[in-house]
Amino acid sequence: MTDLLPKYGGYRKLRSFQVSQLIYDVTVRFCGRYIERTSRTRDQMTQAARSGVQNIAEGSQVSATSKKMELKLTQVARASLEELRLDYEDFLRQRGMPKLEPQHPALVRFKELRCKTLEEVQGWVTQERNKNTDNQRRKKTGGTDDEKRTVVPVSCGQFSSVFPLSYSCLAANAALSLLNVATYLLDRQVQRLAKDFETEGGFTERLYKIRSAKRSESLK
């Protein structure tokens, strides 16, 4: 039976699942704080984030009997997270907030943290907001040259001056950074699944091989 039904599940150990689950937690918190309760966007963002998590899990569970379905569900998860990415980008653009470049110091610090929990993401948002507020205060009151140099300019598209990064702006950029990681991992996962399906086949192919082997043994 182990040849016919290989090990399946184990999705909780997948890095793509772990990051997607964190994105879901961040999104539920984000929508609860920054998206109007009556807005359809609130439900759409939450559902897109949930779809990313659930489809990875479901795909892993059906992998024993249907590699084709596992591949399809993983692609659905990838598409859901892409939809969510657009919602976060729209949130920033429509409110005149910057989407930070990957090399922006705040995002560099975020990526170095390798956050695993919602609390860790919230901690980074609070630290960066406080740091940004302190820098703005020093600039207004005429701090030392060293202090003035700690003011980080935002450079992304039309945003080229020092911009006061709000809590919602930082939270959205954190979510986008996590989405970059999750979609990258899912792209690689889809490629691996497609290659495995091409070379090894699925349940039907394994069943055929086992039946053929049994017939050959019975004829000896």
N, C-alpha and C. Protein backbone atom coordinates (compact mmCIF):
# COMPACT_ATOMS: atom_id res chain seq x y z
N MET A 1 0.82 -1.21 0.00
CA MET A 1 0.00 0.00 0.00
C MET A 1 0.85 1.26 0.00
N THR A 2 2.08 1.15 0.57
CA THR A 2 2.92 2.35 0.61
C THR A 2 3.34 2.76 -0.80
N ASP A 3 3.42 1.77 -1.72
CA ASP A 3 3.74 2.11 -3.11
C ASP A 3 2.54 2.77 -3.79
N LEU A 4 1.34 2.29 -3.43
CA LEU A 4 0.14 2.85 -4.05
C LEU A 4 -0.25 4.19 -3.43
N LEU A 5 -0.16 4.28 -2.11
CA LEU A 5 -0.52 5.52 -1.40
C LEU A 5 0.71 6.04 -0.64
N PRO A 6 1.53 6.85 -1.28
CA PRO A 6 2.71 7.38 -0.60
C PRO A 6 2.32 8.34 0.52
N LYS A 7 3.29 8.73 1.31
CA LYS A 7 3.02 9.66 2.39
C LYS A 7 2.41 10.94 1.86
N TYR A 8 1.44 11.47 2.59
CA TYR A 8 0.79 12.70 2.16
C TYR A 8 0.53 13.57 3.38
N GLY A 9 0.05 14.77 3.16
CA GLY A 9 -0.14 15.70 4.27
C GLY A 9 1.18 16.36 4.64
N GLY A 10 1.35 16.63 5.91
CA GLY A 10 2.59 17.27 6.35
C GLY A 10 2.71 18.72 5.91
N TYR A 11 1.58 19.31 5.55
CA TYR A 11 1.61 20.68 5.04
C TYR A 11 2.08 21.70 6.07
N ARG A 12 1.90 21.37 7.36
CA ARG A 12 2.30 22.32 8.40
C ARG A 12 3.80 22.56 8.43
N LYS A 13 4.56 21.64 7.87
CA LYS A 13 6.01 21.79 7.81
C LYS A 13 6.46 22.59 6.59
N LEU A 14 5.54 22.82 5.65
CA LEU A 14 5.90 23.56 4.44
C LEU A 14 6.11 25.03 4.78
N ARG A 15 7.22 25.58 4.32
CA ARG A 15 7.50 27.00 4.56
C ARG A 15 6.43 27.86 3.89
N SER A 16 5.94 27.44 2.72
CA SER A 16 4.91 28.21 2.02
C SER A 16 3.63 28.29 2.86
N PHE A 17 3.28 27.20 3.55
CA PHE A 17 2.10 27.19 4.41
C PHE A 17 2.31 28.10 5.61
N GLN A 18 3.47 28.02 6.23
CA GLN A 18 3.76 28.82 7.43
C GLN A 18 3.70 30.31 7.13
N VAL A 19 4.29 30.73 6.01
CA VAL A 19 4.26 32.15 5.66
C VAL A 19 2.86 32.58 5.28
N SER A 20 2.14 31.73 4.56
CA SER A 20 0.76 32.06 4.16
C SER A 20 -0.14 32.17 5.38
N GLN A 21 0.06 31.32 6.37
CA GLN A 21 -0.73 31.40 7.59
C GLN A 21 -0.46 32.72 8.33
N LEU A 22 0.81 33.14 8.35
CA LEU A 22 1.15 34.42 8.96
C LEU A 22 0.50 35.57 8.19
N ILE A 23 0.50 35.48 6.87
CA ILE A 23 -0.15 36.50 6.05
C ILE A 23 -1.64 36.58 6.37
N TYR A 24 -2.26 35.43 6.57
CA TYR A 24 -3.68 35.41 6.93
C TYR A 24 -3.91 36.12 8.26
N ASP A 25 -3.08 35.83 9.25
CA ASP A 25 -3.21 36.48 10.56
C ASP A 25 -3.01 37.99 10.45
N VAL A 26 -2.00 38.39 9.68
CA VAL A 26 -1.72 39.82 9.49
C VAL A 26 -2.90 40.49 8.78
N THR A 27 -3.47 39.82 7.79
CA THR A 27 -4.55 40.40 7.01
C THR A 27 -5.83 40.56 7.84
N VAL A 28 -6.14 39.56 8.66
CA VAL A 28 -7.33 39.68 9.53
C VAL A 28 -7.16 40.88 10.45
N ARG A 29 -5.98 41.03 11.01
CA ARG A 29 -5.71 42.17 11.90
C ARG A 29 -5.75 43.48 11.13
N PHE A 30 -5.15 43.49 9.94
CA PHE A 30 -5.08 44.70 9.12
C PHE A 30 -6.48 45.15 8.73
N CYS A 31 -7.30 44.23 8.24
CA CYS A 31 -8.65 44.58 7.81
C CYS A 31 -9.51 45.05 8.98
N GLY A 32 -9.31 44.43 10.14
CA GLY A 32 -10.08 44.84 11.31
C GLY A 32 -9.76 46.25 11.76
N ARG A 33 -8.54 46.71 11.47
CA ARG A 33 -8.12 48.03 11.93
C ARG A 33 -8.23 49.12 10.87
N TYR A 34 -8.01 48.77 9.60
CA TYR A 34 -7.84 49.81 8.59
C TYR A 34 -8.82 49.76 7.42
N ILE A 35 -9.65 48.73 7.33
CA ILE A 35 -10.62 48.63 6.24
C ILE A 35 -12.02 48.79 6.83
N GLU A 36 -12.84 49.62 6.19
CA GLU A 36 -14.18 49.88 6.69
C GLU A 36 -14.97 48.58 6.82
N ARG A 37 -15.74 48.47 7.90
CA ARG A 37 -16.49 47.24 8.17
C ARG A 37 -17.48 46.91 7.05
N THR A 38 -18.04 47.93 6.42
CA THR A 38 -19.05 47.71 5.37
C THR A 38 -18.44 47.52 3.99
N SER A 39 -17.13 47.64 3.87
CA SER A 39 -16.49 47.54 2.57
C SER A 39 -16.37 46.09 2.12
N ARG A 40 -16.66 45.83 0.84
CA ARG A 40 -16.50 44.48 0.29
C ARG A 40 -15.04 44.07 0.27
N THR A 41 -14.17 45.07 0.17
CA THR A 41 -12.74 44.78 0.13
C THR A 41 -12.30 44.04 1.38
N ARG A 42 -12.90 44.37 2.50
CA ARG A 42 -12.55 43.72 3.77
C ARG A 42 -12.76 42.21 3.69
N ASP A 43 -13.93 41.81 3.23
CA ASP A 43 -14.22 40.38 3.10
C ASP A 43 -13.36 39.73 2.02
N GLN A 44 -13.14 40.46 0.91
CA GLN A 44 -12.36 39.89 -0.19
C GLN A 44 -10.92 39.65 0.21
N MET A 45 -10.34 40.58 0.95
CA MET A 45 -8.94 40.41 1.37
C MET A 45 -8.82 39.25 2.35
N THR A 46 -9.76 39.17 3.29
CA THR A 46 -9.72 38.09 4.27
C THR A 46 -9.89 36.74 3.60
N GLN A 47 -10.83 36.66 2.65
CA GLN A 47 -11.08 35.40 1.95
C GLN A 47 -9.90 35.00 1.07
N ALA A 48 -9.27 35.98 0.43
CA ALA A 48 -8.11 35.67 -0.41
C ALA A 48 -6.97 35.13 0.43
N ALA A 49 -6.74 35.75 1.60
CA ALA A 49 -5.68 35.28 2.50
C ALA A 49 -6.00 33.87 3.01
N ARG A 50 -7.27 33.64 3.37
CA ARG A 50 -7.67 32.32 3.85
C ARG A 50 -7.55 31.27 2.75
N SER A 51 -7.91 31.65 1.54
CA SER A 51 -7.82 30.72 0.41
C SER A 51 -6.38 30.25 0.19
N GLY A 52 -5.43 31.17 0.36
CA GLY A 52 -4.03 30.78 0.21
C GLY A 52 -3.65 29.68 1.17
N VAL A 53 -4.06 29.81 2.43
CA VAL A 53 -3.74 28.82 3.46
C VAL A 53 -4.47 27.50 3.21
N GLN A 54 -5.79 27.59 3.00
CA GLN A 54 -6.62 26.40 2.92
C GLN A 54 -6.27 25.54 1.70
N ASN A 55 -5.97 26.18 0.59
CA ASN A 55 -5.69 25.40 -0.62
C ASN A 55 -4.33 24.71 -0.57
N ILE A 56 -3.37 25.29 0.13
CA ILE A 56 -2.10 24.58 0.34
C ILE A 56 -2.35 23.33 1.16
N ALA A 57 -3.13 23.48 2.24
CA ALA A 57 -3.43 22.34 3.11
C ALA A 57 -4.22 21.27 2.36
N GLU A 58 -5.26 21.67 1.64
CA GLU A 58 -6.08 20.69 0.93
C GLU A 58 -5.28 19.99 -0.16
N GLY A 59 -4.45 20.74 -0.86
CA GLY A 59 -3.62 20.13 -1.89
C GLY A 59 -2.69 19.07 -1.33
N SER A 60 -2.12 19.37 -0.15
CA SER A 60 -1.23 18.41 0.49
C SER A 60 -1.98 17.15 0.90
N GLN A 61 -3.20 17.31 1.37
CA GLN A 61 -3.99 16.17 1.84
C GLN A 61 -4.42 15.24 0.71
N VAL A 62 -4.68 15.79 -0.47
CA VAL A 62 -5.15 14.94 -1.58
C VAL A 62 -4.00 14.40 -2.42
N SER A 63 -2.77 14.74 -2.06
CA SER A 63 -1.62 14.40 -2.90
C SER A 63 -1.44 12.89 -3.08
N ALA A 64 -1.88 12.10 -2.11
CA ALA A 64 -1.69 10.65 -2.22
C ALA A 64 -2.47 10.05 -3.37
N THR A 65 -3.66 10.57 -3.61
CA THR A 65 -4.51 9.99 -4.66
C THR A 65 -4.64 10.87 -5.90
N SER A 66 -4.18 12.10 -5.83
CA SER A 66 -4.31 12.96 -7.01
C SER A 66 -3.24 14.05 -7.03
N LYS A 67 -2.13 13.76 -7.69
CA LYS A 67 -1.09 14.76 -7.85
C LYS A 67 -1.59 15.92 -8.72
N LYS A 68 -2.47 15.60 -9.65
CA LYS A 68 -3.04 16.63 -10.50
C LYS A 68 -3.84 17.63 -9.68
N MET A 69 -4.64 17.14 -8.74
CA MET A 69 -5.43 18.03 -7.88
C MET A 69 -4.53 18.82 -6.94
N GLU A 70 -3.47 18.19 -6.45
CA GLU A 70 -2.52 18.90 -5.59
C GLU A 70 -1.91 20.08 -6.34
N LEU A 71 -1.54 19.84 -7.59
CA LEU A 71 -0.96 20.90 -8.41
C LEU A 71 -1.97 22.02 -8.65
N LYS A 72 -3.21 21.63 -8.94
CA LYS A 72 -4.26 22.62 -9.20
C LYS A 72 -4.53 23.47 -7.96
N LEU A 73 -4.64 22.84 -6.80
CA LEU A 73 -4.96 23.58 -5.57
C LEU A 73 -3.80 24.49 -5.16
N THR A 74 -2.58 24.05 -5.40
CA THR A 74 -1.43 24.89 -5.10
C THR A 74 -1.42 26.13 -5.99
N GLN A 75 -1.81 25.95 -7.24
CA GLN A 75 -1.91 27.09 -8.15
C GLN A 75 -3.04 28.04 -7.72
N VAL A 76 -4.14 27.48 -7.20
CA VAL A 76 -5.23 28.32 -6.69
C VAL A 76 -4.73 29.16 -5.51
N ALA A 77 -3.96 28.53 -4.63
CA ALA A 77 -3.39 29.25 -3.49
C ALA A 77 -2.51 30.40 -3.97
N ARG A 78 -1.70 30.13 -4.98
CA ARG A 78 -0.81 31.15 -5.54
C ARG A 78 -1.62 32.30 -6.14
N ALA A 79 -2.69 31.98 -6.85
CA ALA A 79 -3.54 33.01 -7.46
C ALA A 79 -4.24 33.85 -6.40
N SER A 80 -4.68 33.22 -5.31
CA SER A 80 -5.36 33.95 -4.24
C SER A 80 -4.42 34.96 -3.59
N LEU A 81 -3.17 34.57 -3.38
CA LEU A 81 -2.22 35.49 -2.77
C LEU A 81 -1.84 36.62 -3.72
N GLU A 82 -1.86 36.36 -5.00
CA GLU A 82 -1.61 37.44 -5.97
C GLU A 82 -2.75 38.45 -5.92
N GLU A 83 -3.98 37.97 -5.79
CA GLU A 83 -5.13 38.86 -5.65
C GLU A 83 -4.99 39.72 -4.39
N LEU A 84 -4.54 39.09 -3.31
CA LEU A 84 -4.34 39.82 -2.06
C LEU A 84 -3.25 40.87 -2.19
N ARG A 85 -2.20 40.53 -2.92
CA ARG A 85 -1.12 41.49 -3.15
C ARG A 85 -1.64 42.77 -3.82
N LEU A 86 -2.51 42.59 -4.82
CA LEU A 86 -3.08 43.74 -5.52
C LEU A 86 -3.93 44.60 -4.58
N ASP A 87 -4.64 43.95 -3.65
CA ASP A 87 -5.47 44.71 -2.70
C ASP A 87 -4.60 45.57 -1.79
N TYR A 88 -3.49 45.04 -1.33
CA TYR A 88 -2.59 45.83 -0.49
C TYR A 88 -1.97 46.98 -1.28
N GLU A 89 -1.60 46.72 -2.52
CA GLU A 89 -1.03 47.77 -3.36
C GLU A 89 -2.07 48.86 -3.62
N ASP A 90 -3.31 48.45 -3.86
CA ASP A 90 -4.39 49.43 -4.06
C ASP A 90 -4.61 50.27 -2.81
N PHE A 91 -4.55 49.64 -1.65
CA PHE A 91 -4.72 50.37 -0.39
C PHE A 91 -3.70 51.50 -0.28
N LEU A 92 -2.46 51.19 -0.58
CA LEU A 92 -1.41 52.21 -0.49
C LEU A 92 -1.59 53.29 -1.55
N ARG A 93 -1.85 52.89 -2.78
CA ARG A 93 -1.95 53.86 -3.88
C ARG A 93 -3.13 54.79 -3.69
N GLN A 94 -4.26 54.26 -3.31
CA GLN A 94 -5.47 55.08 -3.19
C GLN A 94 -5.40 56.06 -2.02
N ARG A 95 -4.52 55.81 -1.08
CA ARG A 95 -4.38 56.70 0.08
C ARG A 95 -3.11 57.54 0.02
N GLY A 96 -2.44 57.48 -1.13
CA GLY A 96 -1.24 58.28 -1.31
C GLY A 96 -0.08 57.85 -0.43
N MET A 97 -0.03 56.56 -0.09
CA MET A 97 1.05 56.04 0.74
C MET A 97 2.06 55.31 -0.13
N PRO A 98 3.31 55.28 0.28
CA PRO A 98 4.34 54.66 -0.56
C PRO A 98 4.41 53.14 -0.42
N LYS A 99 4.68 52.50 -1.53
CA LYS A 99 5.08 51.09 -1.51
C LYS A 99 6.60 51.10 -1.45
N LEU A 100 7.16 50.62 -0.36
CA LEU A 100 8.59 50.73 -0.14
C LEU A 100 9.38 49.80 -1.05
N GLU A 101 10.52 50.29 -1.51
CA GLU A 101 11.41 49.48 -2.33
C GLU A 101 12.05 48.40 -1.46
N PRO A 102 12.44 47.26 -2.06
CA PRO A 102 13.03 46.16 -1.27
C PRO A 102 14.25 46.57 -0.46
N GLN A 103 15.02 47.54 -0.97
CA GLN A 103 16.24 47.96 -0.27
C GLN A 103 15.99 49.06 0.75
N HIS A 104 14.75 49.47 0.93
CA HIS A 104 14.46 50.50 1.94
C HIS A 104 14.90 49.98 3.31
N PRO A 105 15.59 50.79 4.11
CA PRO A 105 16.12 50.33 5.40
C PRO A 105 15.08 49.68 6.30
N ALA A 106 13.87 50.22 6.31
CA ALA A 106 12.82 49.65 7.17
C ALA A 106 12.48 48.23 6.73
N LEU A 107 12.38 48.00 5.41
CA LEU A 107 12.07 46.66 4.92
C LEU A 107 13.25 45.71 5.10
N VAL A 108 14.45 46.23 4.97
CA VAL A 108 15.63 45.41 5.22
C VAL A 108 15.61 44.90 6.66
N ARG A 109 15.28 45.78 7.58
CA ARG A 109 15.19 45.37 8.98
C ARG A 109 14.08 44.35 9.18
N PHE A 110 12.97 44.54 8.48
CA PHE A 110 11.86 43.60 8.59
C PHE A 110 12.26 42.21 8.11
N LYS A 111 12.92 42.15 6.97
CA LYS A 111 13.32 40.85 6.41
C LYS A 111 14.35 40.16 7.28
N GLU A 112 15.21 40.94 7.93
CA GLU A 112 16.21 40.35 8.81
C GLU A 112 15.58 39.70 10.04
N LEU A 113 14.41 40.20 10.45
CA LEU A 113 13.72 39.64 11.63
C LEU A 113 13.17 38.24 11.38
N ARG A 114 12.82 37.94 10.11
CA ARG A 114 12.21 36.65 9.76
C ARG A 114 11.04 36.33 10.70
N CYS A 115 10.08 37.22 10.72
CA CYS A 115 8.94 37.10 11.63
C CYS A 115 8.17 35.81 11.40
N LYS A 116 7.81 35.17 12.50
CA LYS A 116 7.03 33.94 12.44
C LYS A 116 5.63 34.10 13.05
N THR A 117 5.41 35.19 13.77
CA THR A 117 4.11 35.37 14.43
C THR A 117 3.58 36.78 14.16
N LEU A 118 2.28 36.93 14.37
CA LEU A 118 1.64 38.24 14.22
C LEU A 118 2.23 39.24 15.21
N GLU A 119 2.53 38.78 16.40
CA GLU A 119 3.08 39.66 17.43
C GLU A 119 4.43 40.22 17.00
N GLU A 120 5.24 39.41 16.33
CA GLU A 120 6.55 39.89 15.87
C GLU A 120 6.39 40.94 14.78
N VAL A 121 5.42 40.75 13.90
CA VAL A 121 5.15 41.75 12.86
C VAL A 121 4.66 43.05 13.49
N GLN A 122 3.76 42.93 14.46
CA GLN A 122 3.25 44.12 15.15
C GLN A 122 4.38 44.86 15.87
N GLY A 123 5.30 44.10 16.45
CA GLY A 123 6.44 44.71 17.14
C GLY A 123 7.29 45.52 16.19
N TRP A 124 7.52 44.98 14.99
CA TRP A 124 8.31 45.72 13.99
C TRP A 124 7.59 46.99 13.56
N VAL A 125 6.28 46.91 13.34
CA VAL A 125 5.50 48.09 12.94
C VAL A 125 5.63 49.18 14.00
N THR A 126 5.48 48.81 15.25
CA THR A 126 5.56 49.78 16.34
C THR A 126 6.94 50.41 16.43
N GLN A 127 7.98 49.60 16.32
CA GLN A 127 9.35 50.11 16.39
C GLN A 127 9.64 51.08 15.25
N GLU A 128 9.23 50.71 14.05
CA GLU A 128 9.50 51.57 12.89
C GLU A 128 8.68 52.86 12.97
N ARG A 129 7.47 52.76 13.46
CA ARG A 129 6.64 53.96 13.60
C ARG A 129 7.25 54.91 14.62
N ASN A 130 7.69 54.38 15.74
CA ASN A 130 8.32 55.22 16.77
C ASN A 130 9.61 55.84 16.26
N LYS A 131 10.38 55.05 15.53
CA LYS A 131 11.64 55.55 14.97
C LYS A 131 11.36 56.66 13.96
N ASN A 132 10.35 56.45 13.14
CA ASN A 132 9.99 57.45 12.14
C ASN A 132 9.50 58.73 12.79
N THR A 133 8.70 58.59 13.85
CA THR A 133 8.19 59.76 14.57
C THR A 133 9.34 60.54 15.22
N ASP A 134 10.28 59.82 15.82
CA ASP A 134 11.43 60.48 16.45
C ASP A 134 12.27 61.22 15.42
N ASN A 135 12.46 60.61 14.25
CA ASN A 135 13.25 61.26 13.20
C ASN A 135 12.57 62.53 12.70
N GLN A 136 11.25 62.47 12.56
CA GLN A 136 10.53 63.65 12.11
C GLN A 136 10.63 64.78 13.14
N ARG A 137 10.56 64.40 14.43
CA ARG A 137 10.64 65.39 15.50
C ARG A 137 12.03 66.05 15.52
N ARG A 138 13.07 65.24 15.34
CA ARG A 138 14.43 65.79 15.32
C ARG A 138 14.62 66.74 14.15
N LYS A 139 14.04 66.36 13.00
CA LYS A 139 14.19 67.20 11.82
C LYS A 139 13.53 68.56 12.03
N LYS A 140 12.35 68.54 12.66
CA LYS A 140 11.62 69.79 12.88
C LYS A 140 12.30 70.68 13.91
N THR A 141 12.91 70.05 14.93
CA THR A 141 13.52 70.83 16.02
C THR A 141 14.99 71.11 15.79
N GLY A 142 15.52 70.62 14.65
CA GLY A 142 16.91 70.91 14.33
C GLY A 142 17.89 70.10 15.14
N GLY A 143 17.89 68.78 14.93
CA GLY A 143 18.80 67.92 15.66
C GLY A 143 20.21 68.05 15.13
N THR A 144 21.10 67.22 15.66
CA THR A 144 22.49 67.25 15.22
C THR A 144 22.58 66.69 13.81
N ASP A 145 23.76 66.87 13.19
CA ASP A 145 23.95 66.35 11.83
C ASP A 145 23.76 64.84 11.80
N ASP A 146 24.28 64.16 12.84
CA ASP A 146 24.11 62.71 12.88
C ASP A 146 22.64 62.33 12.98
N GLU A 147 21.89 63.08 13.79
CA GLU A 147 20.47 62.79 13.94
C GLU A 147 19.71 63.05 12.65
N LYS A 148 20.08 64.13 11.95
CA LYS A 148 19.40 64.45 10.70
C LYS A 148 19.63 63.36 9.66
N ARG A 149 20.80 62.73 9.70
CA ARG A 149 21.10 61.70 8.71
C ARG A 149 20.31 60.43 8.98
N THR A 150 19.73 60.29 10.18
CA THR A 150 18.94 59.10 10.46
C THR A 150 17.55 59.19 9.85
N VAL A 151 17.17 60.35 9.34
CA VAL A 151 15.88 60.49 8.67
C VAL A 151 15.96 59.77 7.34
N VAL A 152 15.12 58.75 7.16
CA VAL A 152 15.20 57.91 5.96
C VAL A 152 14.24 58.41 4.90
N PRO A 153 14.75 58.84 3.72
CA PRO A 153 13.85 59.28 2.66
C PRO A 153 13.18 58.10 1.98
N VAL A 154 11.96 58.30 1.54
CA VAL A 154 11.24 57.28 0.78
C VAL A 154 11.42 57.58 -0.69
N SER A 155 11.89 56.61 -1.44
CA SER A 155 12.08 56.80 -2.87
C SER A 155 11.40 55.68 -3.61
N CYS A 156 10.20 55.94 -4.09
CA CYS A 156 9.46 54.93 -4.87
C CYS A 156 8.43 55.66 -5.72
N GLY A 157 8.70 55.71 -7.00
CA GLY A 157 7.78 56.39 -7.90
C GLY A 157 7.72 57.87 -7.61
N GLN A 158 6.48 58.35 -7.39
CA GLN A 158 6.29 59.79 -7.19
C GLN A 158 6.69 60.23 -5.80
N PHE A 159 6.96 59.27 -4.89
CA PHE A 159 7.33 59.62 -3.52
C PHE A 159 8.85 59.74 -3.45
N SER A 160 9.36 60.95 -3.35
CA SER A 160 10.80 61.14 -3.34
C SER A 160 11.27 61.96 -2.15
N SER A 161 10.36 62.36 -1.28
CA SER A 161 10.74 63.15 -0.12
C SER A 161 10.51 62.35 1.15
N VAL A 162 10.95 62.91 2.28
CA VAL A 162 10.74 62.23 3.55
C VAL A 162 9.24 62.12 3.79
N PHE A 163 8.77 60.92 4.04
CA PHE A 163 7.33 60.66 4.18
C PHE A 163 7.07 60.04 5.54
N PRO A 164 6.16 60.60 6.32
CA PRO A 164 5.87 60.03 7.64
C PRO A 164 5.12 58.70 7.48
N LEU A 165 5.79 57.61 7.78
CA LEU A 165 5.19 56.30 7.59
C LEU A 165 4.22 56.00 8.73
N SER A 166 2.96 55.82 8.38
CA SER A 166 1.92 55.55 9.37
C SER A 166 1.91 54.06 9.72
N TYR A 167 1.14 53.72 10.75
CA TYR A 167 1.00 52.31 11.13
C TYR A 167 0.44 51.48 9.98
N SER A 168 -0.60 52.01 9.32
CA SER A 168 -1.22 51.25 8.24
C SER A 168 -0.29 51.08 7.05
N CYS A 169 0.51 52.12 6.78
CA CYS A 169 1.47 52.04 5.68
C CYS A 169 2.52 50.97 5.97
N LEU A 170 3.04 50.97 7.17
CA LEU A 170 4.04 49.98 7.56
C LEU A 170 3.46 48.57 7.55
N ALA A 171 2.24 48.42 8.06
CA ALA A 171 1.60 47.10 8.10
C ALA A 171 1.36 46.57 6.69
N ALA A 172 0.91 47.43 5.78
CA ALA A 172 0.67 47.01 4.40
C ALA A 172 1.98 46.60 3.72
N ASN A 173 3.04 47.35 3.97
CA ASN A 173 4.33 47.00 3.38
C ASN A 173 4.91 45.72 3.96
N ALA A 174 4.65 45.47 5.25
CA ALA A 174 5.07 44.21 5.85
C ALA A 174 4.33 43.05 5.19
N ALA A 175 3.02 43.21 4.97
CA ALA A 175 2.23 42.17 4.32
C ALA A 175 2.74 41.91 2.90
N LEU A 176 3.07 42.97 2.18
CA LEU A 176 3.58 42.82 0.82
C LEU A 176 4.91 42.09 0.81
N SER A 177 5.75 42.37 1.79
CA SER A 177 7.03 41.68 1.88
C SER A 177 6.82 40.19 2.13
N LEU A 178 5.90 39.86 3.02
CA LEU A 178 5.58 38.45 3.28
C LEU A 178 4.97 37.78 2.05
N LEU A 179 4.15 38.52 1.33
CA LEU A 179 3.54 37.97 0.11
C LEU A 179 4.60 37.68 -0.95
N ASN A 180 5.62 38.51 -1.02
CA ASN A 180 6.71 38.24 -1.96
C ASN A 180 7.37 36.90 -1.65
N VAL A 181 7.56 36.63 -0.37
CA VAL A 181 8.18 35.37 0.04
C VAL A 181 7.25 34.19 -0.28
N ALA A 182 5.98 34.32 0.10
CA ALA A 182 5.03 33.23 -0.09
C ALA A 182 4.83 32.89 -1.57
N THR A 183 4.68 33.90 -2.41
CA THR A 183 4.45 33.63 -3.84
C THR A 183 5.69 33.03 -4.50
N TYR A 184 6.86 33.47 -4.04
CA TYR A 184 8.11 32.88 -4.56
C TYR A 184 8.17 31.39 -4.21
N LEU A 185 7.87 31.07 -2.96
CA LEU A 185 7.89 29.67 -2.52
C LEU A 185 6.85 28.84 -3.25
N LEU A 186 5.66 29.40 -3.48
CA LEU A 186 4.61 28.66 -4.19
C LEU A 186 4.95 28.47 -5.66
N ASP A 187 5.61 29.45 -6.26
CA ASP A 187 6.05 29.28 -7.65
C ASP A 187 7.01 28.10 -7.76
N ARG A 188 7.94 28.00 -6.82
CA ARG A 188 8.88 26.88 -6.82
C ARG A 188 8.16 25.57 -6.53
N GLN A 189 7.18 25.61 -5.65
CA GLN A 189 6.42 24.42 -5.31
C GLN A 189 5.64 23.91 -6.51
N VAL A 190 5.02 24.82 -7.25
CA VAL A 190 4.27 24.45 -8.44
C VAL A 190 5.20 23.82 -9.48
N GLN A 191 6.36 24.41 -9.67
CA GLN A 191 7.33 23.86 -10.63
C GLN A 191 7.76 22.45 -10.25
N ARG A 192 8.01 22.24 -8.96
CA ARG A 192 8.42 20.92 -8.50
C ARG A 192 7.30 19.90 -8.67
N LEU A 193 6.07 20.29 -8.34
CA LEU A 193 4.94 19.38 -8.48
C LEU A 193 4.69 19.02 -9.93
N ALA A 194 4.84 20.01 -10.82
CA ALA A 194 4.64 19.75 -12.25
C ALA A 194 5.70 18.77 -12.76
N LYS A 195 6.93 18.95 -12.31
CA LYS A 195 8.01 18.05 -12.73
C LYS A 195 7.79 16.64 -12.20
N ASP A 196 7.37 16.54 -10.93
CA ASP A 196 7.11 15.22 -10.34
C ASP A 196 5.97 14.51 -11.06
N PHE A 197 4.93 15.26 -11.39
CA PHE A 197 3.79 14.66 -12.09
C PHE A 197 4.19 14.18 -13.47
N GLU A 198 5.06 14.96 -14.12
CA GLU A 198 5.51 14.60 -15.48
C GLU A 198 6.36 13.34 -15.46
N THR A 199 7.22 13.20 -14.46
CA THR A 199 8.15 12.08 -14.44
C THR A 199 7.60 10.84 -13.73
N GLU A 200 6.76 11.04 -12.70
CA GLU A 200 6.30 9.92 -11.90
C GLU A 200 4.83 9.58 -12.10
N GLY A 201 4.06 10.51 -12.66
CA GLY A 201 2.64 10.28 -12.81
C GLY A 201 1.91 10.41 -11.50
N GLY A 202 0.67 9.93 -11.47
CA GLY A 202 -0.14 10.03 -10.26
C GLY A 202 -0.68 8.70 -9.82
N PHE A 203 -1.82 8.72 -9.15
CA PHE A 203 -2.42 7.51 -8.57
C PHE A 203 -2.73 6.47 -9.65
N THR A 204 -3.29 6.91 -10.78
CA THR A 204 -3.67 5.98 -11.85
C THR A 204 -2.46 5.23 -12.37
N GLU A 205 -1.35 5.96 -12.57
CA GLU A 205 -0.13 5.33 -13.08
C GLU A 205 0.43 4.33 -12.07
N ARG A 206 0.40 4.69 -10.78
CA ARG A 206 0.91 3.76 -9.76
C ARG A 206 0.04 2.51 -9.67
N LEU A 207 -1.27 2.71 -9.76
CA LEU A 207 -2.20 1.57 -9.70
C LEU A 207 -1.97 0.63 -10.88
N TYR A 208 -1.73 1.19 -12.06
CA TYR A 208 -1.48 0.37 -13.25
C TYR A 208 -0.20 -0.45 -13.08
N LYS A 209 0.84 0.19 -12.55
CA LYS A 209 2.11 -0.53 -12.36
C LYS A 209 1.96 -1.67 -11.37
N ILE A 210 1.23 -1.43 -10.27
CA ILE A 210 1.06 -2.47 -9.26
C ILE A 210 0.22 -3.62 -9.80
N ARG A 211 -0.84 -3.30 -10.54
CA ARG A 211 -1.67 -4.36 -11.12
C ARG A 211 -0.89 -5.17 -12.14
N SER A 212 -0.10 -4.50 -12.94
CA SER A 212 0.72 -5.19 -13.94
C SER A 212 1.72 -6.13 -13.27
N ALA A 213 2.31 -5.64 -12.17
CA ALA A 213 3.27 -6.47 -11.45
C ALA A 213 2.59 -7.71 -10.86
N LYS A 214 1.37 -7.53 -10.32
CA LYS A 214 0.63 -8.66 -9.75
C LYS A 214 0.27 -9.69 -10.82
N ARG A 215 -0.13 -9.21 -12.00
CA ARG A 215 -0.47 -10.15 -13.08
C ARG A 215 0.75 -10.94 -13.50
N SER A 216 1.89 -10.24 -13.59
CA SER A 216 3.12 -10.91 -14.00
C SER A 216 3.49 -12.00 -12.99
N GLU A 217 3.32 -11.74 -11.70
CA GLU A 217 3.64 -12.72 -10.67
C GLU A 217 2.70 -13.92 -10.75
N SER A 218 1.42 -13.68 -11.07
CA SER A 218 0.45 -14.77 -11.10
C SER A 218 0.68 -15.69 -12.31
N LEU A 219 1.34 -15.18 -13.34
CA LEU A 219 1.59 -15.98 -14.53
C LEU A 219 2.85 -16.81 -14.42
N LYS A 220 3.63 -16.57 -13.39
CA LYS A 220 4.89 -17.33 -13.24
C LYS A 220 4.62 -18.75 -12.73
